[in-house]
Each structure stands twice: as structure tokens, then as C-alpha cells.
Amino acid sequence: MKQENAIIITDLDLARLGHLADDPTLAPELDRADVVPFDTVPPNVVTMNSRVVFKDQTTGEIRTVTIVYPQDADPSGGKVSVMAPVGSALLGLSVGQSIEWCFPDGRPRTL
């Protein structure tokens, strides 16, 4: 289950993610996004290479991650791929927004 909050994607991020546009998890997020020029995106929006502090409302865990392209992922270094559940869920959200996202174990979690 996914919450249908408005999300924002930069035109540059969308172009760079184009080769992943058929992914069944990422594609719906990209399709529903408001696309804005990269130089006009509000500073409170999670874009590619953003460092994000978030709370998993389900577990209570607070984490800091950087959303990166798949080839740059390094979970031990806090770099989470946009293709990972957390990366896909957070991309395009604004500070203060939350989203309910279904994780690989089949359980929804609110971030």
C-alpha cells in the first residue's frame, strides 16, 4: 500500500533514471511525480544524492541515508539505492511528508 502524496522529481533526475523507468516499483512513482527543472526544486525535497534523516514509524528506528543511483549504493556507508524500498519510498517527498510503503517482507511501513 502506497500513500498518494504529491512528489517532486527534477527533470535531471528523471532523465538519469530513465533507464529504470520500467521497474515495477519505481515506475509508478516517476509517473505520478511533478517534474520540475533541477535548478528550481525546493530545498526541502528529497532528490537524488540527498542526505535524508527519517523515522520508520513502524519500528521507531531513526536513520540517515543518502539516496543514490544503483551503481553508487553502499549500505554500510549509508548510501541507499533509489531501487531499494527506502530509496524508492523517500525520493520526491518533502520534509514533513510521510509515506506508507510495502517492503519486501510484504508488510507496509510508514516512513
Protein backbone atom coordinates (compact mmCIF):
# COMPACT_ATOMS: atom_id res chain seq x y z
CA MET A 1 0.00 0.00 0.00
CA LYS A 2 1.38 3.38 -1.00
CA GLN A 3 0.20 6.77 0.08
CA GLU A 4 -0.50 9.05 -2.87
CA ASN A 5 1.22 12.21 -1.61
CA ALA A 6 2.39 14.57 -4.31
CA ILE A 7 6.07 14.07 -5.01
CA ILE A 8 8.56 16.19 -6.92
CA ILE A 9 11.29 14.92 -9.24
CA THR A 10 13.81 17.09 -11.03
CA ASP A 11 14.00 16.88 -14.80
CA LEU A 12 17.66 15.91 -14.46
CA ASP A 13 16.92 13.06 -12.03
CA LEU A 14 14.10 11.82 -14.26
CA ALA A 15 16.39 11.79 -17.29
CA ARG A 16 19.11 9.93 -15.37
CA LEU A 17 16.58 7.42 -14.03
CA GLY A 18 15.07 6.89 -17.48
CA HIS A 19 16.70 3.51 -17.98
CA LEU A 20 14.98 2.32 -14.79
CA ALA A 21 11.55 3.64 -15.80
CA ASP A 22 10.17 0.14 -16.41
CA ASP A 23 10.92 -1.05 -12.89
CA PRO A 24 7.61 -2.09 -11.27
CA THR A 25 8.39 -0.26 -8.03
CA LEU A 26 9.99 2.91 -9.33
CA ALA A 27 7.88 3.45 -12.49
CA PRO A 28 4.62 4.34 -10.68
CA GLU A 29 6.49 6.84 -8.52
CA LEU A 30 8.07 8.51 -11.54
CA ASP A 31 4.72 8.53 -13.35
CA ARG A 32 2.93 10.38 -10.52
CA ALA A 33 5.71 12.88 -9.88
CA ASP A 34 5.56 16.58 -10.64
CA VAL A 35 8.67 17.18 -12.77
CA VAL A 36 10.45 20.49 -12.19
CA PRO A 37 13.66 21.98 -13.57
CA PHE A 38 16.60 20.89 -11.40
CA ASP A 39 17.53 24.48 -10.61
CA THR A 40 14.05 25.30 -9.24
CA VAL A 41 13.42 22.31 -6.97
CA PRO A 42 12.63 23.43 -3.42
CA PRO A 43 15.48 22.74 -0.98
CA ASN A 44 13.23 20.62 1.25
CA VAL A 45 12.60 17.95 -1.42
CA VAL A 46 14.42 14.61 -1.49
CA THR A 47 16.26 14.35 -4.79
CA MET A 48 18.99 12.02 -5.97
CA ASN A 49 22.08 12.36 -3.76
CA SER A 50 20.04 13.96 -0.97
CA ARG A 51 21.02 13.10 2.58
CA VAL A 52 17.83 12.25 4.48
CA VAL A 53 17.03 11.69 8.14
CA PHE A 54 13.81 9.72 8.52
CA LYS A 55 11.90 7.75 11.09
CA ASP A 56 10.37 4.36 10.44
CA GLN A 57 7.09 4.79 12.30
CA THR A 58 6.62 1.03 12.39
CA THR A 59 9.88 0.21 14.17
CA GLY A 60 10.69 3.59 15.72
CA GLU A 61 14.14 3.50 14.13
CA ILE A 62 15.66 6.82 13.00
CA ARG A 63 18.12 6.54 10.11
CA THR A 64 20.22 8.82 7.97
CA VAL A 65 20.77 7.78 4.35
CA THR A 66 21.83 9.28 1.05
CA ILE A 67 19.64 8.33 -1.93
CA VAL A 68 21.94 7.28 -4.79
CA TYR A 69 21.89 5.64 -8.21
CA PRO A 70 22.15 1.83 -8.06
CA GLN A 71 25.82 1.72 -9.09
CA ASP A 72 26.73 4.06 -6.20
CA ALA A 73 24.92 2.12 -3.46
CA ASP A 74 26.92 1.33 -0.32
CA PRO A 75 24.57 0.38 2.51
CA SER A 76 27.38 0.20 5.06
CA GLY A 77 28.26 3.80 4.14
CA GLY A 78 24.65 4.96 4.36
CA LYS A 79 24.23 5.17 0.57
CA VAL A 80 20.91 3.59 -0.36
CA SER A 81 19.95 2.83 -3.94
CA VAL A 82 16.87 4.51 -5.33
CA MET A 83 15.86 0.96 -6.29
CA ALA A 84 15.84 -0.15 -2.62
CA PRO A 85 12.48 0.11 -0.84
CA VAL A 86 13.63 3.02 1.35
CA GLY A 87 15.14 4.86 -1.64
CA SER A 88 12.03 4.49 -3.79
CA ALA A 89 9.78 5.49 -0.92
CA LEU A 90 11.67 8.66 0.03
CA LEU A 91 12.52 10.02 -3.43
CA GLY A 92 10.45 13.09 -4.21
CA LEU A 93 8.99 13.59 -0.73
CA SER A 94 9.23 16.92 1.04
CA VAL A 95 10.33 17.50 4.62
CA GLY A 96 7.46 16.55 6.92
CA GLN A 97 5.71 14.24 4.46
CA SER A 98 5.25 10.57 5.26
CA ILE A 99 4.52 7.59 3.07
CA GLU A 100 3.23 4.10 3.68
CA TRP A 101 5.32 1.68 1.66
CA CYS A 102 5.14 -2.09 1.22
CA PHE A 103 8.52 -3.67 1.96
CA PRO A 104 9.83 -6.99 0.58
CA ASP A 105 8.51 -8.89 3.61
CA GLY A 106 5.02 -7.86 2.45
CA ARG A 107 4.37 -5.62 5.42
CA PRO A 108 3.60 -1.92 4.98
CA ARG A 109 5.77 0.52 6.90
CA THR A 110 5.30 4.24 7.34
CA LEU A 111 8.36 6.41 6.79
